Amino acid sequence: GVDTDSLIVSQPDNGEQALEIADMLIRSGALDVIVIDSVAALVPKAEIEGEMGDSHVGLQARLMSQALRKMTGALAQ
């Protein structure tokens, strides 16, 4: 089971914020496991703030790629 007293839940406003929080927690070394419940919900800030119909092709993929490279480097240390 999960010890809910030790569970940290974060509900960020956008994908960048979520991945920055994850990166900060990884670098702190304070946690053993980080779970991102929905990669599809990691919506880039530009998409949230943009107009309906604006093209954001590849924005989420670039965000994920950059964040994962950054976090992988932190985990390797």
PDB file of N, CA and C in Angstrom:
ATOM      1  N   GLY A   1       0.807  -1.183   0.000  1.00  0.00           N
ATOM      2  CA  GLY A   1       0.000   0.000   0.000  1.00  0.00           C
ATOM      3  C   GLY A   1       0.856   1.255   0.000  1.00  0.00           C
ATOM      4  N   VAL A   2       0.211   2.359  -0.044  1.00  0.00           N
ATOM      5  CA  VAL A   2       0.873   3.666  -0.060  1.00  0.00           C
ATOM      6  C   VAL A   2       0.637   4.356   1.274  1.00  0.00           C
ATOM      7  N   ASP A   3       1.707   4.820   1.892  1.00  0.00           N
ATOM      8  CA  ASP A   3       1.604   5.600   3.124  1.00  0.00           C
ATOM      9  C   ASP A   3       1.177   7.011   2.742  1.00  0.00           C
ATOM     10  N   THR A   4      -0.104   7.285   2.851  1.00  0.00           N
ATOM     11  CA  THR A   4      -0.634   8.579   2.406  1.00  0.00           C
ATOM     12  C   THR A   4      -0.125   9.749   3.238  1.00  0.00           C
ATOM     13  N   ASP A   5       0.369   9.485   4.447  1.00  0.00           N
ATOM     14  CA  ASP A   5       0.945  10.562   5.260  1.00  0.00           C
ATOM     15  C   ASP A   5       2.265  11.054   4.673  1.00  0.00           C
ATOM     16  N   SER A   6       2.960  10.189   3.936  1.00  0.00           N
ATOM     17  CA  SER A   6       4.240  10.552   3.321  1.00  0.00           C
ATOM     18  C   SER A   6       4.106  10.923   1.851  1.00  0.00           C
ATOM     19  N   LEU A   7       2.908  10.817   1.316  1.00  0.00           N
ATOM     20  CA  LEU A   7       2.668  11.071  -0.105  1.00  0.00           C
ATOM     21  C   LEU A   7       2.638  12.570  -0.393  1.00  0.00           C
ATOM     22  N   ILE A   8       3.347  12.983  -1.420  1.00  0.00           N
ATOM     23  CA  ILE A   8       3.345  14.379  -1.866  1.00  0.00           C
ATOM     24  C   ILE A   8       2.589  14.428  -3.188  1.00  0.00           C
ATOM     25  N   VAL A   9       1.558  15.248  -3.257  1.00  0.00           N
ATOM     26  CA  VAL A   9       0.773  15.393  -4.483  1.00  0.00           C
ATOM     27  C   VAL A   9       0.932  16.817  -4.981  1.00  0.00           C
ATOM     28  N   SER A  10       1.235  16.947  -6.257  1.00  0.00           N
ATOM     29  CA  SER A  10       1.394  18.266  -6.870  1.00  0.00           C
ATOM     30  C   SER A  10       0.469  18.348  -8.074  1.00  0.00           C
ATOM     31  N   GLN A  11      -0.206  19.477  -8.219  1.00  0.00           N
ATOM     32  CA  GLN A  11      -1.090  19.684  -9.362  1.00  0.00           C
ATOM     33  C   GLN A  11      -0.704  21.000 -10.038  1.00  0.00           C
ATOM     34  N   PRO A  12       0.374  20.977 -10.812  1.00  0.00           N
ATOM     35  CA  PRO A  12       0.870  22.196 -11.461  1.00  0.00           C
ATOM     36  C   PRO A  12      -0.066  22.703 -12.556  1.00  0.00           C
ATOM     37  N   ASP A  13       0.155  23.953 -12.949  1.00  0.00           N
ATOM     38  CA  ASP A  13      -0.695  24.607 -13.943  1.00  0.00           C
ATOM     39  C   ASP A  13      -0.363  24.237 -15.383  1.00  0.00           C
ATOM     40  N   ASN A  14       0.870  23.785 -15.638  1.00  0.00           N
ATOM     41  CA  ASN A  14       1.272  23.470 -17.009  1.00  0.00           C
ATOM     42  C   ASN A  14       2.394  22.442 -16.996  1.00  0.00           C
ATOM     43  N   GLY A  15       2.733  21.954 -18.177  1.00  0.00           N
ATOM     44  CA  GLY A  15       3.753  20.922 -18.298  1.00  0.00           C
ATOM     45  C   GLY A  15       5.121  21.362 -17.832  1.00  0.00           C
ATOM     46  N   GLU A  16       5.516  22.582 -18.167  1.00  0.00           N
ATOM     47  CA  GLU A  16       6.826  23.079 -17.746  1.00  0.00           C
ATOM     48  C   GLU A  16       6.936  23.090 -16.228  1.00  0.00           C
ATOM     49  N   GLN A  17       5.893  23.561 -15.581  1.00  0.00           N
ATOM     50  CA  GLN A  17       5.884  23.630 -14.120  1.00  0.00           C
ATOM     51  C   GLN A  17       5.972  22.218 -13.518  1.00  0.00           C
ATOM     52  N   ALA A  18       5.232  21.285 -14.071  1.00  0.00           N
ATOM     53  CA  ALA A  18       5.248  19.908 -13.575  1.00  0.00           C
ATOM     54  C   ALA A  18       6.634  19.291 -13.695  1.00  0.00           C
ATOM     55  N   LEU A  19       7.265  19.495 -14.835  1.00  0.00           N
ATOM     56  CA  LEU A  19       8.573  18.892 -15.058  1.00  0.00           C
ATOM     57  C   LEU A  19       9.665  19.591 -14.258  1.00  0.00           C
ATOM     58  N   GLU A  20       9.521  20.887 -14.000  1.00  0.00           N
ATOM     59  CA  GLU A  20      10.466  21.597 -13.125  1.00  0.00           C
ATOM     60  C   GLU A  20      10.358  21.067 -11.697  1.00  0.00           C
ATOM     61  N   ILE A  21       9.144  20.828 -11.237  1.00  0.00           N
ATOM     62  CA  ILE A  21       8.942  20.268  -9.896  1.00  0.00           C
ATOM     63  C   ILE A  21       9.583  18.886  -9.813  1.00  0.00           C
ATOM     64  N   ALA A  22       9.354  18.055 -10.818  1.00  0.00           N
ATOM     65  CA  ALA A  22       9.944  16.717 -10.840  1.00  0.00           C
ATOM     66  C   ALA A  22      11.465  16.807 -10.828  1.00  0.00           C
ATOM     67  N   ASP A  23      12.032  17.697 -11.631  1.00  0.00           N
ATOM     68  CA  ASP A  23      13.485  17.871 -11.685  1.00  0.00           C
ATOM     69  C   ASP A  23      14.028  18.324 -10.331  1.00  0.00           C
ATOM     70  N   MET A  24      13.356  19.272  -9.698  1.00  0.00           N
ATOM     71  CA  MET A  24      13.781  19.769  -8.393  1.00  0.00           C
ATOM     72  C   MET A  24      13.763  18.638  -7.353  1.00  0.00           C
ATOM     73  N   LEU A  25      12.720  17.822  -7.379  1.00  0.00           N
ATOM     74  CA  LEU A  25      12.627  16.711  -6.430  1.00  0.00           C
ATOM     75  C   LEU A  25      13.705  15.664  -6.686  1.00  0.00           C
ATOM     76  N   ILE A  26      14.003  15.398  -7.951  1.00  0.00           N
ATOM     77  CA  ILE A  26      15.078  14.458  -8.286  1.00  0.00           C
ATOM     78  C   ILE A  26      16.404  14.976  -7.754  1.00  0.00           C
ATOM     79  N   ARG A  27      16.700  16.243  -8.009  1.00  0.00           N
ATOM     80  CA  ARG A  27      17.974  16.831  -7.575  1.00  0.00           C
ATOM     81  C   ARG A  27      18.096  16.914  -6.055  1.00  0.00           C
ATOM     82  N   SER A  28      16.972  17.023  -5.356  1.00  0.00           N
ATOM     83  CA  SER A  28      17.008  17.105  -3.891  1.00  0.00           C
ATOM     84  C   SER A  28      17.382  15.764  -3.261  1.00  0.00           C
ATOM     85  N   GLY A  29      17.091  14.682  -3.964  1.00  0.00           N
ATOM     86  CA  GLY A  29      17.373  13.359  -3.424  1.00  0.00           C
ATOM     87  C   GLY A  29      16.445  12.966  -2.285  1.00  0.00           C
ATOM     88  N   ALA A  30      15.404  13.734  -2.064  1.00  0.00           N
ATOM     89  CA  ALA A  30      14.505  13.513  -0.933  1.00  0.00           C
ATOM     90  C   ALA A  30      13.496  12.390  -1.173  1.00  0.00           C
ATOM     91  N   LEU A  31      13.314  11.988  -2.427  1.00  0.00           N
ATOM     92  CA  LEU A  31      12.296  10.986  -2.747  1.00  0.00           C
ATOM     93  C   LEU A  31      12.914   9.767  -3.408  1.00  0.00           C
ATOM     94  N   ASP A  32      12.231   8.636  -3.249  1.00  0.00           N
ATOM     95  CA  ASP A  32      12.669   7.403  -3.903  1.00  0.00           C
ATOM     96  C   ASP A  32      11.951   7.172  -5.222  1.00  0.00           C
ATOM     97  N   VAL A  33      10.707   7.654  -5.336  1.00  0.00           N
ATOM     98  CA  VAL A  33       9.891   7.416  -6.525  1.00  0.00           C
ATOM     99  C   VAL A  33       9.129   8.684  -6.881  1.00  0.00           C
ATOM    100  N   ILE A  34       9.092   8.990  -8.174  1.00  0.00           N
ATOM    101  CA  ILE A  34       8.263  10.084  -8.683  1.00  0.00           C
ATOM    102  C   ILE A  34       7.347   9.483  -9.737  1.00  0.00           C
ATOM    103  N   VAL A  35       6.063   9.765  -9.628  1.00  0.00           N
ATOM    104  CA  VAL A  35       5.082   9.240 -10.576  1.00  0.00           C
ATOM    105  C   VAL A  35       4.421  10.411 -11.282  1.00  0.00           C
ATOM    106  N   ILE A  36       4.452  10.389 -12.607  1.00  0.00           N
ATOM    107  CA  ILE A  36       3.707  11.357 -13.410  1.00  0.00           C
ATOM    108  C   ILE A  36       2.530  10.583 -13.977  1.00  0.00           C
ATOM    109  N   ASP A  37       1.355  10.915 -13.487  1.00  0.00           N
ATOM    110  CA  ASP A  37       0.157  10.128 -13.779  1.00  0.00           C
ATOM    111  C   ASP A  37      -0.262  10.196 -15.246  1.00  0.00           C
ATOM    112  N   SER A  38      -0.079  11.342 -15.881  1.00  0.00           N
ATOM    113  CA  SER A  38      -0.548  11.472 -17.255  1.00  0.00           C
ATOM    114  C   SER A  38       0.374  12.375 -18.064  1.00  0.00           C
ATOM    115  N   VAL A  39       1.151  11.771 -18.936  1.00  0.00           N
ATOM    116  CA  VAL A  39       2.021  12.557 -19.810  1.00  0.00           C
ATOM    117  C   VAL A  39       1.170  13.429 -20.727  1.00  0.00           C
ATOM    118  N   ALA A  40       0.017  12.934 -21.132  1.00  0.00           N
ATOM    119  CA  ALA A  40      -0.875  13.709 -22.006  1.00  0.00           C
ATOM    120  C   ALA A  40      -1.363  14.984 -21.326  1.00  0.00           C
ATOM    121  N   ALA A  41      -1.389  14.984 -19.993  1.00  0.00           N
ATOM    122  CA  ALA A  41      -1.845  16.164 -19.252  1.00  0.00           C
ATOM    123  C   ALA A  41      -0.741  17.209 -19.086  1.00  0.00           C
ATOM    124  N   LEU A  42       0.477  16.896 -19.503  1.00  0.00           N
ATOM    125  CA  LEU A  42       1.587  17.847 -19.406  1.00  0.00           C
ATOM    126  C   LEU A  42       1.512  18.819 -20.582  1.00  0.00           C
ATOM    127  N   VAL A  43       0.554  19.694 -20.534  1.00  0.00           N
ATOM    128  CA  VAL A  43       0.298  20.626 -21.627  1.00  0.00           C
ATOM    129  C   VAL A  43       1.254  21.812 -21.512  1.00  0.00           C
ATOM    130  N   PRO A  44       1.994  22.113 -22.581  1.00  0.00           N
ATOM    131  CA  PRO A  44       2.911  23.254 -22.556  1.00  0.00           C
ATOM    132  C   PRO A  44       2.182  24.574 -22.293  1.00  0.00           C
ATOM    133  N   LYS A  45       2.863  25.466 -21.592  1.00  0.00           N
ATOM    134  CA  LYS A  45       2.294  26.768 -21.232  1.00  0.00           C
ATOM    135  C   LYS A  45       1.830  27.543 -22.466  1.00  0.00           C
ATOM    136  N   ALA A  46       2.608  27.493 -23.537  1.00  0.00           N
ATOM    137  CA  ALA A  46       2.261  28.221 -24.766  1.00  0.00           C
ATOM    138  C   ALA A  46       0.930  27.739 -25.334  1.00  0.00           C
ATOM    139  N   GLU A  47       0.657  26.458 -25.189  1.00  0.00           N
ATOM    140  CA  GLU A  47      -0.604  25.915 -25.690  1.00  0.00           C
ATOM    141  C   GLU A  47      -1.776  26.370 -24.816  1.00  0.00           C
ATOM    142  N   ILE A  48      -1.561  26.417 -23.515  1.00  0.00           N
ATOM    143  CA  ILE A  48      -2.611  26.859 -22.590  1.00  0.00           C
ATOM    144  C   ILE A  48      -2.940  28.327 -22.821  1.00  0.00           C
ATOM    145  N   GLU A  49      -1.897  29.141 -23.013  1.00  0.00           N
ATOM    146  CA  GLU A  49      -2.084  30.584 -23.154  1.00  0.00           C
ATOM    147  C   GLU A  49      -2.420  31.017 -24.577  1.00  0.00           C
ATOM    148  N   GLY A  50      -2.260  30.119 -25.547  1.00  0.00           N
ATOM    149  CA  GLY A  50      -2.505  30.460 -26.945  1.00  0.00           C
ATOM    150  C   GLY A  50      -3.980  30.532 -27.281  1.00  0.00           C
ATOM    151  N   GLU A  51      -4.237  30.992 -28.478  1.00  0.00           N
ATOM    152  CA  GLU A  51      -5.609  31.098 -28.985  1.00  0.00           C
ATOM    153  C   GLU A  51      -6.054  29.752 -29.546  1.00  0.00           C
ATOM    154  N   MET A  52      -7.360  29.536 -29.555  1.00  0.00           N
ATOM    155  CA  MET A  52      -7.910  28.336 -30.176  1.00  0.00           C
ATOM    156  C   MET A  52      -7.514  28.342 -31.653  1.00  0.00           C
ATOM    157  N   GLY A  53      -7.064  27.220 -32.134  1.00  0.00           N
ATOM    158  CA  GLY A  53      -6.692  27.126 -33.535  1.00  0.00           C
ATOM    159  C   GLY A  53      -5.218  27.382 -33.796  1.00  0.00           C
ATOM    160  N   ASP A  54      -4.491  27.922 -32.798  1.00  0.00           N
ATOM    161  CA  ASP A  54      -3.049  28.124 -32.963  1.00  0.00           C
ATOM    162  C   ASP A  54      -2.375  26.766 -33.134  1.00  0.00           C
ATOM    163  N   SER A  55      -1.352  26.734 -33.952  1.00  0.00           N
ATOM    164  CA  SER A  55      -0.619  25.496 -34.181  1.00  0.00           C
ATOM    165  C   SER A  55       0.505  25.356 -33.155  1.00  0.00           C
ATOM    166  N   HIS A  56       0.537  24.231 -32.492  1.00  0.00           N
ATOM    167  CA  HIS A  56       1.579  23.951 -31.504  1.00  0.00           C
ATOM    168  C   HIS A  56       2.199  22.590 -31.816  1.00  0.00           C
ATOM    169  N   VAL A  57       2.476  22.363 -33.074  1.00  0.00           N
ATOM    170  CA  VAL A  57       2.985  21.077 -33.534  1.00  0.00           C
ATOM    171  C   VAL A  57       4.325  20.772 -32.865  1.00  0.00           C
ATOM    172  N   GLY A  58       4.399  19.621 -32.226  1.00  0.00           N
ATOM    173  CA  GLY A  58       5.645  19.149 -31.634  1.00  0.00           C
ATOM    174  C   GLY A  58       6.043  19.821 -30.335  1.00  0.00           C
ATOM    175  N   LEU A  59       5.250  20.742 -29.841  1.00  0.00           N
ATOM    176  CA  LEU A  59       5.619  21.483 -28.637  1.00  0.00           C
ATOM    177  C   LEU A  59       5.736  20.560 -27.426  1.00  0.00           C
ATOM    178  N   GLN A  60       4.764  19.685 -27.245  1.00  0.00           N
ATOM    179  CA  GLN A  60       4.803  18.774 -26.103  1.00  0.00           C
ATOM    180  C   GLN A  60       5.960  17.782 -26.238  1.00  0.00           C
ATOM    181  N   ALA A  61       6.218  17.317 -27.438  1.00  0.00           N
ATOM    182  CA  ALA A  61       7.322  16.382 -27.659  1.00  0.00           C
ATOM    183  C   ALA A  61       8.659  17.034 -27.327  1.00  0.00           C
ATOM    184  N   ARG A  62       8.837  18.288 -27.739  1.00  0.00           N
ATOM    185  CA  ARG A  62      10.081  19.002 -27.414  1.00  0.00           C
ATOM    186  C   ARG A  62      10.218  19.214 -25.913  1.00  0.00           C
ATOM    187  N   LEU A  63       9.114  19.571 -25.265  1.00  0.00           N
ATOM    188  CA  LEU A  63       9.116  19.770 -23.815  1.00  0.00           C
ATOM    189  C   LEU A  63       9.542  18.489 -23.104  1.00  0.00           C
ATOM    190  N   MET A  64       8.941  17.375 -23.471  1.00  0.00           N
ATOM    191  CA  MET A  64       9.264  16.093 -22.842  1.00  0.00           C
ATOM    192  C   MET A  64      10.707  15.684 -23.109  1.00  0.00           C
ATOM    193  N   SER A  65      11.149  15.842 -24.340  1.00  0.00           N
ATOM    194  CA  SER A  65      12.509  15.460 -24.704  1.00  0.00           C
ATOM    195  C   SER A  65      13.538  16.252 -23.905  1.00  0.00           C
ATOM    196  N   GLN A  66      13.353  17.551 -23.835  1.00  0.00           N
ATOM    197  CA  GLN A  66      14.281  18.413 -23.101  1.00  0.00           C
ATOM    198  C   GLN A  66      14.274  18.070 -21.607  1.00  0.00           C
ATOM    199  N   ALA A  67      13.091  17.914 -21.037  1.00  0.00           N
ATOM    200  CA  ALA A  67      12.980  17.628 -19.605  1.00  0.00           C
ATOM    201  C   ALA A  67      13.592  16.273 -19.261  1.00  0.00           C
ATOM    202  N   LEU A  68      13.348  15.274 -20.087  1.00  0.00           N
ATOM    203  CA  LEU A  68      13.882  13.947 -19.802  1.00  0.00           C
ATOM    204  C   LEU A  68      15.401  13.916 -19.908  1.00  0.00           C
ATOM    205  N   ARG A  69      15.969  14.652 -20.854  1.00  0.00           N
ATOM    206  CA  ARG A  69      17.435  14.749 -20.932  1.00  0.00           C
ATOM    207  C   ARG A  69      17.986  15.388 -19.660  1.00  0.00           C
ATOM    208  N   LYS A  70      17.342  16.443 -19.204  1.00  0.00           N
ATOM    209  CA  LYS A  70      17.775  17.153 -18.001  1.00  0.00           C
ATOM    210  C   LYS A  70      17.681  16.243 -16.769  1.00  0.00           C
ATOM    211  N   MET A  71      16.562  15.539 -16.633  1.00  0.00           N
ATOM    212  CA  MET A  71      16.367  14.667 -15.472  1.00  0.00           C
ATOM    213  C   MET A  71      17.282  13.445 -15.516  1.00  0.00           C
ATOM    214  N   THR A  72      17.519  12.916 -16.701  1.00  0.00           N
ATOM    215  CA  THR A  72      18.419  11.772 -16.834  1.00  0.00           C
ATOM    216  C   THR A  72      19.816  12.143 -16.364  1.00  0.00           C
ATOM    217  N   GLY A  73      20.258  13.347 -16.717  1.00  0.00           N
ATOM    218  CA  GLY A  73      21.559  13.827 -16.251  1.00  0.00           C
ATOM    219  C   GLY A  73      21.617  13.928 -14.740  1.00  0.00           C
ATOM    220  N   ALA A  74      20.554  14.419 -14.132  1.00  0.00           N
ATOM    221  CA  ALA A  74      20.503  14.549 -12.673  1.00  0.00           C
ATOM    222  C   ALA A  74      20.496  13.176 -12.002  1.00  0.00           C
ATOM    223  N   LEU A  75      19.797  12.214 -12.596  1.00  0.00           N
ATOM    224  CA  LEU A  75      19.733  10.868 -12.021  1.00  0.00           C
ATOM    225  C   LEU A  75      21.069  10.143 -12.124  1.00  0.00           C
ATOM    226  N   ALA A  76      21.844  10.458 -13.139  1.00  0.00           N
ATOM    227  CA  ALA A  76      23.124   9.791 -13.356  1.00  0.00           C
ATOM    228  C   ALA A  76      24.182  10.221 -12.343  1.00  0.00           C
ATOM    229  N   GLN A  77      23.969  11.341 -11.695  1.00  0.00           N
ATOM    230  CA  GLN A  77      24.972  11.857 -10.745  1.00  0.00           C
ATOM    231  C   GLN A  77      24.933  11.145  -9.427  1.00  0.00           C
TER     232      GLN A  77
END
